Amino acid sequence: MSDALDKKLQTAINRLTDKQKKAVLGIVNVFVEDTSSDHWNNKDFVAEMNDRSHEYATGNAQLISLDEVEKKAARATEKLKLKRAS
């Protein structure tokens, strides 16, 4: 990073309230986490995605429709409501 950019960032940060600094830190942490968890550099993740793509391309993947997902979610939600009510 350039020195000029570092200085601009520091000047801006110095003008923030503590509450604003916490918010900015939260955003910065999201960026840090995003770069540290680049799944496409993970060999196991890439292998899993390749396997899934191959299963889909060959017709061997077990797929369900959006309608089925919605029905299962509705049933699970209803069961949870009943469980909480009892």
Protein backbone atom coordinates (compact mmCIF):
# COMPACT_ATOMS: atom_id res chain seq x y z
CA MET A 1 0.00 0.00 0.00
CA SER A 2 1.24 3.45 -0.77
CA ASP A 3 2.28 5.84 1.98
CA ALA A 4 -0.20 8.43 0.71
CA LEU A 5 -3.07 5.98 1.02
CA ASP A 6 -1.92 4.93 4.50
CA LYS A 7 -1.89 8.58 5.56
CA LYS A 8 -5.36 9.22 4.14
CA LEU A 9 -6.71 6.19 5.97
CA GLN A 10 -5.08 7.21 9.23
CA THR A 11 -6.39 10.77 8.94
CA ALA A 12 -9.91 9.50 8.31
CA ILE A 13 -9.73 6.99 11.17
CA ASN A 14 -8.50 9.66 13.58
CA ARG A 15 -11.64 11.72 12.86
CA LEU A 16 -14.06 8.87 13.70
CA THR A 17 -15.86 8.31 16.98
CA ASP A 18 -15.27 5.07 18.85
CA LYS A 19 -18.64 3.77 17.65
CA GLN A 20 -17.72 4.56 14.04
CA LYS A 21 -14.31 2.92 14.47
CA LYS A 22 -15.98 -0.29 15.69
CA ALA A 23 -18.22 -0.29 12.62
CA VAL A 24 -15.26 0.25 10.29
CA LEU A 25 -13.32 -2.50 12.04
CA GLY A 26 -16.24 -4.88 11.48
CA ILE A 27 -16.17 -4.12 7.78
CA VAL A 28 -12.39 -4.52 7.60
CA ASN A 29 -12.64 -7.88 9.38
CA VAL A 30 -15.09 -9.09 6.72
CA PHE A 31 -12.54 -8.24 4.03
CA VAL A 32 -9.76 -10.00 5.97
CA GLU A 33 -11.89 -13.12 6.43
CA ASP A 34 -12.87 -13.14 2.75
CA THR A 35 -9.24 -13.18 1.60
CA SER A 36 -8.12 -15.71 4.20
CA SER A 37 -10.84 -18.18 3.28
CA ASP A 38 -10.41 -18.34 -0.47
CA HIS A 39 -11.97 -21.75 -1.02
CA TRP A 40 -10.63 -22.06 -4.54
CA ASN A 41 -7.11 -22.37 -3.10
CA ASN A 42 -8.21 -25.27 -0.90
CA LYS A 43 -7.45 -28.58 -2.65
CA ASP A 44 -10.15 -30.50 -0.75
CA PHE A 45 -12.81 -27.93 -1.61
CA VAL A 46 -11.82 -27.90 -5.29
CA ALA A 47 -11.86 -31.70 -5.39
CA GLU A 48 -15.34 -31.76 -3.84
CA MET A 49 -16.64 -29.21 -6.34
CA ASN A 50 -15.11 -31.18 -9.20
CA ASP A 51 -16.79 -34.37 -7.93
CA ARG A 52 -20.15 -32.63 -7.63
CA SER A 53 -19.83 -31.09 -11.10
CA HIS A 54 -18.99 -34.48 -12.56
CA GLU A 55 -21.99 -36.10 -10.83
CA TYR A 56 -24.27 -33.39 -12.18
CA ALA A 57 -22.83 -33.61 -15.72
CA THR A 58 -23.20 -37.39 -15.82
CA GLY A 59 -26.72 -37.36 -14.38
CA ASN A 60 -25.70 -39.10 -11.17
CA ALA A 61 -26.36 -36.20 -8.81
CA GLN A 62 -29.32 -36.50 -6.47
CA LEU A 63 -31.18 -33.26 -7.14
CA ILE A 64 -34.39 -31.89 -5.68
CA SER A 65 -36.61 -29.14 -7.02
CA LEU A 66 -37.14 -25.79 -5.36
CA ASP A 67 -40.72 -26.87 -4.69
CA GLU A 68 -39.43 -29.90 -2.74
CA VAL A 69 -37.03 -27.71 -0.76
CA GLU A 70 -39.86 -25.33 0.12
CA LYS A 71 -42.14 -28.19 1.20
CA LYS A 72 -39.42 -29.74 3.38
CA ALA A 73 -38.63 -26.36 4.92
CA ALA A 74 -42.32 -25.75 5.65
CA ARG A 75 -42.68 -29.18 7.30
CA ALA A 76 -39.55 -28.64 9.38
CA THR A 77 -40.76 -25.20 10.43
CA GLU A 78 -44.16 -26.59 11.40
CA LYS A 79 -42.55 -29.37 13.47
CA LEU A 80 -40.38 -26.81 15.23
CA LYS A 81 -43.42 -24.64 16.01
CA LEU A 82 -45.28 -27.64 17.42
CA LYS A 83 -42.29 -28.67 19.50
CA ARG A 84 -41.92 -25.18 20.95
CA ALA A 85 -45.65 -24.96 21.69
CA SER A 86 -45.64 -28.15 23.74
